[in-house]
Amino acid sequence: MRLRVTWLGHSTVVLDLGGVRLVADPLLERHAGILRRRFATPDTGAWERLDAVLLSHLHHDHAHLSSLRQLNGIPVLTSRANARWLAGKGLAAGTGLDEGQWATLGSDGQVRVRLVRAVHGHRPMPHRPNDANGHLVQAAGTTVWVAGDTELYRDMADLAELAGAPIDLAVVPVSGWAPRLSGGHMGHEEAARACDVVGARHAIPVHWGTLHMPAGRHLPRGWMDRPGLAFAHDVQRLAPGCEPVVLHPGESWTLPG
């Protein structure tokens, strides 16, 4: 029943909890459009036998259609507007959640998932809904917040109350696919402050060190390597009650019992 987390790069994480396997924002192929993947394509063994997909929003590096088509038929837990758009593409109809609605998963419904707010309205897409959300995942006395893409917002302080329990793990974005972040994102310092605001006990940084523009991997030199360790430093400084867990793509971590 312990939580096991595997980071597959960018925002793609696999959560094994309560006998249920979830994947967030699956990017399972070599590249995402023009963006290049720095490391090897994720091994299929890390994400097979899935029970549900957690989809935060429809930007191409999160709602990667060819990856989602590999998972067609698996429930996609996202907003209703996003679910309708996916259904129009022949993908997983009827999986949208309303505000405050919990979805139950597993043979005994022992895992539950709900959407939570994300503020990510910068650069709206003309042909896709611009809904954005994070997710709360609970089972066996463990609560995980998967933030999705978001900026800091005041209501983050209410997440533990929405969950009815402390946040054991926060999965938070700390960078992007270029040295400079656009609006609607958190850098490593903002992400550390978010962990403090929600009272997270552990935190895994994502959305860093994976994707880059063509020929942009080394400009400026080292930019892809810094955010994870910078986040760990910022957490120690700004969220002293939280333990940072910095993974490399393909690595796993198990929540201590």
Protein backbone atom coordinates (compact mmCIF):
# COMPACT_ATOMS: atom_id res chain seq x y z
CA MET A 1 0.00 0.00 0.00
CA ARG A 2 3.01 2.33 0.06
CA LEU A 3 3.27 5.12 -2.48
CA ARG A 4 5.88 4.60 -5.20
CA VAL A 5 6.63 7.41 -7.63
CA THR A 6 8.54 7.10 -10.91
CA TRP A 7 9.53 10.20 -12.86
CA LEU A 8 9.65 9.64 -16.63
CA GLY A 9 10.81 13.16 -17.46
CA HIS A 10 9.13 16.54 -17.94
CA SER A 11 5.75 16.35 -16.12
CA THR A 12 5.18 12.62 -16.58
CA VAL A 13 5.05 10.76 -13.27
CA VAL A 14 3.72 7.29 -12.49
CA LEU A 15 2.05 6.83 -9.10
CA ASP A 16 1.61 3.33 -7.67
CA LEU A 17 -0.67 3.50 -4.65
CA GLY A 18 -3.28 1.22 -3.15
CA GLY A 19 -2.97 -1.32 -5.94
CA VAL A 20 -3.71 1.36 -8.56
CA ARG A 21 -1.30 2.77 -11.15
CA LEU A 22 -1.77 6.32 -12.40
CA VAL A 23 0.23 8.39 -14.88
CA ALA A 24 0.21 12.18 -14.97
CA ASP A 25 0.53 14.11 -18.24
CA PRO A 26 1.95 11.20 -20.23
CA LEU A 27 4.72 12.07 -22.68
CA LEU A 28 5.81 8.59 -23.73
CA GLU A 29 7.57 9.23 -27.02
CA ARG A 30 10.93 10.57 -28.09
CA HIS A 31 9.88 14.16 -28.68
CA ALA A 32 6.94 16.53 -28.25
CA GLY A 33 6.45 18.34 -31.54
CA ILE A 34 9.39 20.64 -32.08
CA LEU A 35 10.67 20.07 -28.54
CA ARG A 36 13.50 17.56 -28.19
CA ARG A 37 13.81 15.06 -25.35
CA ARG A 38 17.17 15.07 -23.65
CA PHE A 39 17.08 11.48 -22.45
CA ALA A 40 15.91 8.15 -23.85
CA THR A 41 12.25 7.36 -24.47
CA PRO A 42 10.61 6.04 -21.27
CA ASP A 43 10.66 2.27 -20.92
CA THR A 44 7.20 0.78 -21.44
CA GLY A 45 7.56 -1.32 -18.29
CA ALA A 46 7.39 1.86 -16.24
CA TRP A 47 3.92 2.83 -17.46
CA GLU A 48 2.11 -0.33 -18.60
CA ARG A 49 -0.96 -1.73 -16.76
CA LEU A 50 -2.35 1.71 -16.02
CA ASP A 51 -5.68 2.33 -14.30
CA ALA A 52 -6.11 6.04 -15.11
CA VAL A 53 -4.45 9.12 -16.58
CA LEU A 54 -4.24 12.43 -14.70
CA LEU A 55 -4.34 15.20 -17.29
CA SER A 56 -3.67 18.76 -16.14
CA HIS A 57 -4.26 20.77 -19.35
CA LEU A 58 -4.05 20.60 -23.11
CA HIS A 59 -0.72 22.21 -23.93
CA HIS A 60 1.16 19.96 -26.34
CA ASP A 61 3.87 18.98 -23.87
CA HIS A 62 1.22 17.72 -21.42
CA ALA A 63 -1.63 16.46 -23.62
CA HIS A 64 0.58 14.66 -26.13
CA LEU A 65 -1.94 13.12 -28.49
CA SER A 66 0.15 10.26 -29.87
CA SER A 67 1.07 9.24 -26.31
CA LEU A 68 -2.58 9.42 -25.22
CA ARG A 69 -3.58 7.28 -28.21
CA GLN A 70 -1.27 4.57 -26.87
CA LEU A 71 -3.41 4.66 -23.72
CA ASN A 72 -6.81 4.90 -25.42
CA GLY A 73 -9.54 3.26 -23.36
CA ILE A 74 -7.91 4.18 -20.04
CA PRO A 75 -9.92 6.78 -18.07
CA VAL A 76 -8.52 10.30 -18.32
CA LEU A 77 -9.29 12.39 -15.24
CA THR A 78 -9.43 16.03 -16.25
CA SER A 79 -11.92 18.88 -16.59
CA ARG A 80 -15.12 18.33 -18.53
CA ALA A 81 -14.11 20.79 -21.25
CA ASN A 82 -10.81 18.97 -21.73
CA ALA A 83 -12.57 15.59 -21.75
CA ARG A 84 -14.99 16.74 -24.44
CA TRP A 85 -12.10 17.92 -26.59
CA LEU A 86 -10.34 14.58 -26.17
CA ALA A 87 -13.53 12.75 -27.07
CA GLY A 88 -13.64 14.75 -30.31
CA LYS A 89 -10.21 13.31 -31.07
CA GLY A 90 -11.48 9.77 -30.43
CA LEU A 91 -9.93 9.55 -26.96
CA ALA A 92 -11.52 8.44 -23.69
CA ALA A 93 -14.92 10.13 -23.63
CA GLY A 94 -16.83 10.72 -20.42
CA THR A 95 -13.92 11.15 -18.03
CA GLY A 96 -14.38 14.79 -17.04
CA LEU A 97 -14.80 15.67 -13.36
CA ASP A 98 -16.82 18.49 -11.83
CA GLU A 99 -15.45 20.80 -9.16
CA GLY A 100 -15.30 18.94 -5.86
CA GLN A 101 -16.12 15.55 -7.40
CA TRP A 102 -14.01 12.58 -6.31
CA ALA A 103 -13.43 9.69 -8.72
CA THR A 104 -12.83 6.29 -7.15
CA LEU A 105 -10.44 3.70 -8.55
CA GLY A 106 -9.41 0.18 -7.67
CA SER A 107 -11.41 -2.98 -7.03
CA ASP A 108 -12.69 -1.64 -3.69
CA GLY A 109 -12.62 2.05 -4.58
CA GLN A 110 -9.72 2.49 -2.19
CA VAL A 111 -8.05 5.20 -4.30
CA ARG A 112 -9.78 8.50 -4.97
CA VAL A 113 -8.85 11.46 -7.17
CA ARG A 114 -10.22 14.98 -7.52
CA LEU A 115 -9.29 18.06 -9.49
CA VAL A 116 -7.90 21.16 -7.80
CA ARG A 117 -7.23 24.63 -9.07
CA ALA A 118 -4.28 25.55 -11.28
CA VAL A 119 -3.61 29.06 -12.59
CA HIS A 120 -2.15 28.66 -16.06
CA GLY A 121 -3.89 31.06 -18.42
CA HIS A 122 -0.83 32.49 -20.14
CA ARG A 123 -0.54 31.82 -23.90
CA PRO A 124 -4.08 30.50 -24.49
CA MET A 125 -4.45 28.07 -27.38
CA PRO A 126 -6.89 29.03 -30.15
CA HIS A 127 -8.09 25.51 -30.97
CA ARG A 128 -8.06 23.73 -27.59
CA PRO A 129 -9.84 24.50 -24.31
CA ASN A 130 -7.65 26.36 -21.87
CA ASP A 131 -8.86 24.69 -18.69
CA ALA A 132 -6.06 23.86 -16.26
CA ASN A 133 -6.10 21.83 -13.06
CA GLY A 134 -3.98 19.90 -10.63
CA HIS A 135 -4.99 16.67 -8.88
CA LEU A 136 -5.30 15.36 -5.34
CA VAL A 137 -4.78 11.60 -5.02
CA GLN A 138 -5.59 9.70 -1.82
CA ALA A 139 -5.35 6.11 -0.60
CA ALA A 140 -4.45 4.27 2.57
CA GLY A 141 -3.89 7.42 4.57
CA THR A 142 -1.59 8.95 1.93
CA THR A 143 -2.30 12.19 0.06
CA VAL A 144 -0.48 13.41 -3.06
CA TRP A 145 -0.82 16.79 -4.76
CA VAL A 146 0.16 16.74 -8.44
CA ALA A 147 0.22 20.44 -9.22
CA GLY A 148 0.22 20.45 -13.04
CA ASP A 149 1.38 23.72 -14.57
CA THR A 150 0.45 26.62 -12.34
CA GLU A 151 1.64 29.83 -10.79
CA LEU A 152 1.44 30.48 -7.07
CA TYR A 153 -2.06 31.38 -5.88
CA ARG A 154 -3.54 32.14 -2.49
CA ASP A 155 -5.94 29.18 -2.34
CA MET A 156 -3.06 26.71 -2.33
CA ALA A 157 -3.26 27.06 1.45
CA ASP A 158 -6.64 25.28 1.30
CA LEU A 159 -5.44 22.09 -0.41
CA ALA A 160 -4.93 20.11 2.79
CA GLU A 161 -8.44 21.12 3.88
CA LEU A 162 -9.86 19.98 0.54
CA ALA A 163 -8.06 16.68 0.99
CA GLY A 164 -9.10 16.35 4.62
CA ALA A 165 -5.54 15.32 5.40
CA PRO A 166 -1.96 16.66 5.29
CA ILE A 167 -0.17 16.62 1.94
CA ASP A 168 2.37 13.81 2.12
CA LEU A 169 3.88 14.50 -1.31
CA ALA A 170 3.81 17.49 -3.64
CA VAL A 171 4.78 16.95 -7.28
CA VAL A 172 5.59 20.47 -8.45
CA PRO A 173 6.93 22.07 -11.65
CA VAL A 174 10.15 24.01 -11.12
CA SER A 175 11.28 25.11 -14.59
CA GLY A 176 10.39 24.61 -18.27
CA TRP A 177 11.78 23.79 -21.69
CA ALA A 178 13.71 27.04 -22.03
CA PRO A 179 15.91 29.09 -19.69
CA ARG A 180 13.21 31.74 -19.22
CA LEU A 181 9.73 30.86 -17.95
CA SER A 182 6.57 32.37 -19.38
CA GLY A 183 3.67 33.39 -17.16
CA GLY A 184 1.56 30.75 -15.46
CA HIS A 185 4.56 28.74 -14.25
CA MET A 186 6.57 28.38 -11.08
CA GLY A 187 10.33 28.51 -10.96
CA HIS A 188 12.26 26.58 -8.34
CA GLU A 189 11.88 29.28 -5.68
CA GLU A 190 8.13 29.71 -6.22
CA ALA A 191 7.69 25.94 -6.14
CA ALA A 192 9.51 25.78 -2.80
CA ARG A 193 7.20 28.48 -1.44
CA ALA A 194 4.22 26.46 -2.70
CA CYS A 195 5.43 23.44 -0.74
CA ASP A 196 5.55 25.57 2.38
CA VAL A 197 2.08 27.03 1.76
CA VAL A 198 0.45 23.60 1.35
CA GLY A 199 2.46 22.06 4.20
CA ALA A 200 3.89 19.27 2.05
CA ARG A 201 6.01 16.71 3.89
CA HIS A 202 7.95 15.64 0.78
CA ALA A 203 8.30 17.20 -2.67
CA ILE A 204 9.46 15.99 -6.09
CA PRO A 205 10.40 18.61 -8.71
CA VAL A 206 9.24 17.99 -12.29
CA HIS A 207 8.99 20.00 -15.53
CA TRP A 208 12.76 20.48 -15.70
CA GLY A 209 15.84 19.07 -17.37
CA THR A 210 14.00 17.08 -20.07
CA LEU A 211 12.71 19.06 -23.06
CA HIS A 212 14.46 21.78 -25.00
CA MET A 213 14.19 23.63 -28.28
CA PRO A 214 16.37 22.40 -31.17
CA ALA A 215 19.97 23.48 -30.58
CA GLY A 216 18.89 24.99 -27.26
CA ARG A 217 20.16 22.35 -24.88
CA HIS A 218 23.39 24.17 -24.00
CA LEU A 219 22.32 27.80 -24.34
CA PRO A 220 23.16 29.03 -21.78
CA ARG A 221 25.41 26.21 -20.65
CA GLY A 222 24.09 24.14 -17.76
CA TRP A 223 20.59 25.66 -17.63
CA MET A 224 18.91 22.25 -17.85
CA ASP A 225 20.81 20.83 -14.87
CA ARG A 226 20.27 23.57 -12.33
CA PRO A 227 16.55 23.69 -11.44
CA GLY A 228 16.30 20.37 -9.55
CA LEU A 229 19.18 21.07 -7.19
CA ALA A 230 18.18 24.73 -6.89
CA PHE A 231 14.71 23.58 -5.83
CA ALA A 232 16.19 21.28 -3.18
CA HIS A 233 18.22 24.19 -1.82
CA ASP A 234 15.21 26.51 -1.85
CA VAL A 235 13.04 23.96 -0.04
CA GLN A 236 15.58 23.68 2.76
CA ARG A 237 15.57 27.48 3.02
CA LEU A 238 11.89 28.29 2.48
CA ALA A 239 9.99 25.13 3.47
CA PRO A 240 12.01 23.59 6.30
CA GLY A 241 9.25 21.11 7.16
CA CYS A 242 9.47 19.54 3.70
CA GLU A 243 11.98 16.98 2.41
CA PRO A 244 12.97 17.48 -1.26
CA VAL A 245 13.40 14.36 -3.40
CA VAL A 246 15.25 15.08 -6.65
CA LEU A 247 14.93 12.27 -9.21
CA HIS A 248 16.42 11.73 -12.64
CA PRO A 249 14.21 10.45 -15.47
CA GLY A 250 13.45 6.77 -14.93
CA GLU A 251 14.21 6.85 -11.21
CA SER A 252 11.69 5.85 -8.55
CA TRP A 253 11.14 6.80 -4.92
CA THR A 254 9.00 5.18 -2.24
CA LEU A 255 7.33 7.22 0.49
CA PRO A 256 8.78 6.11 3.83
CA GLY A 257 6.36 4.14 5.96
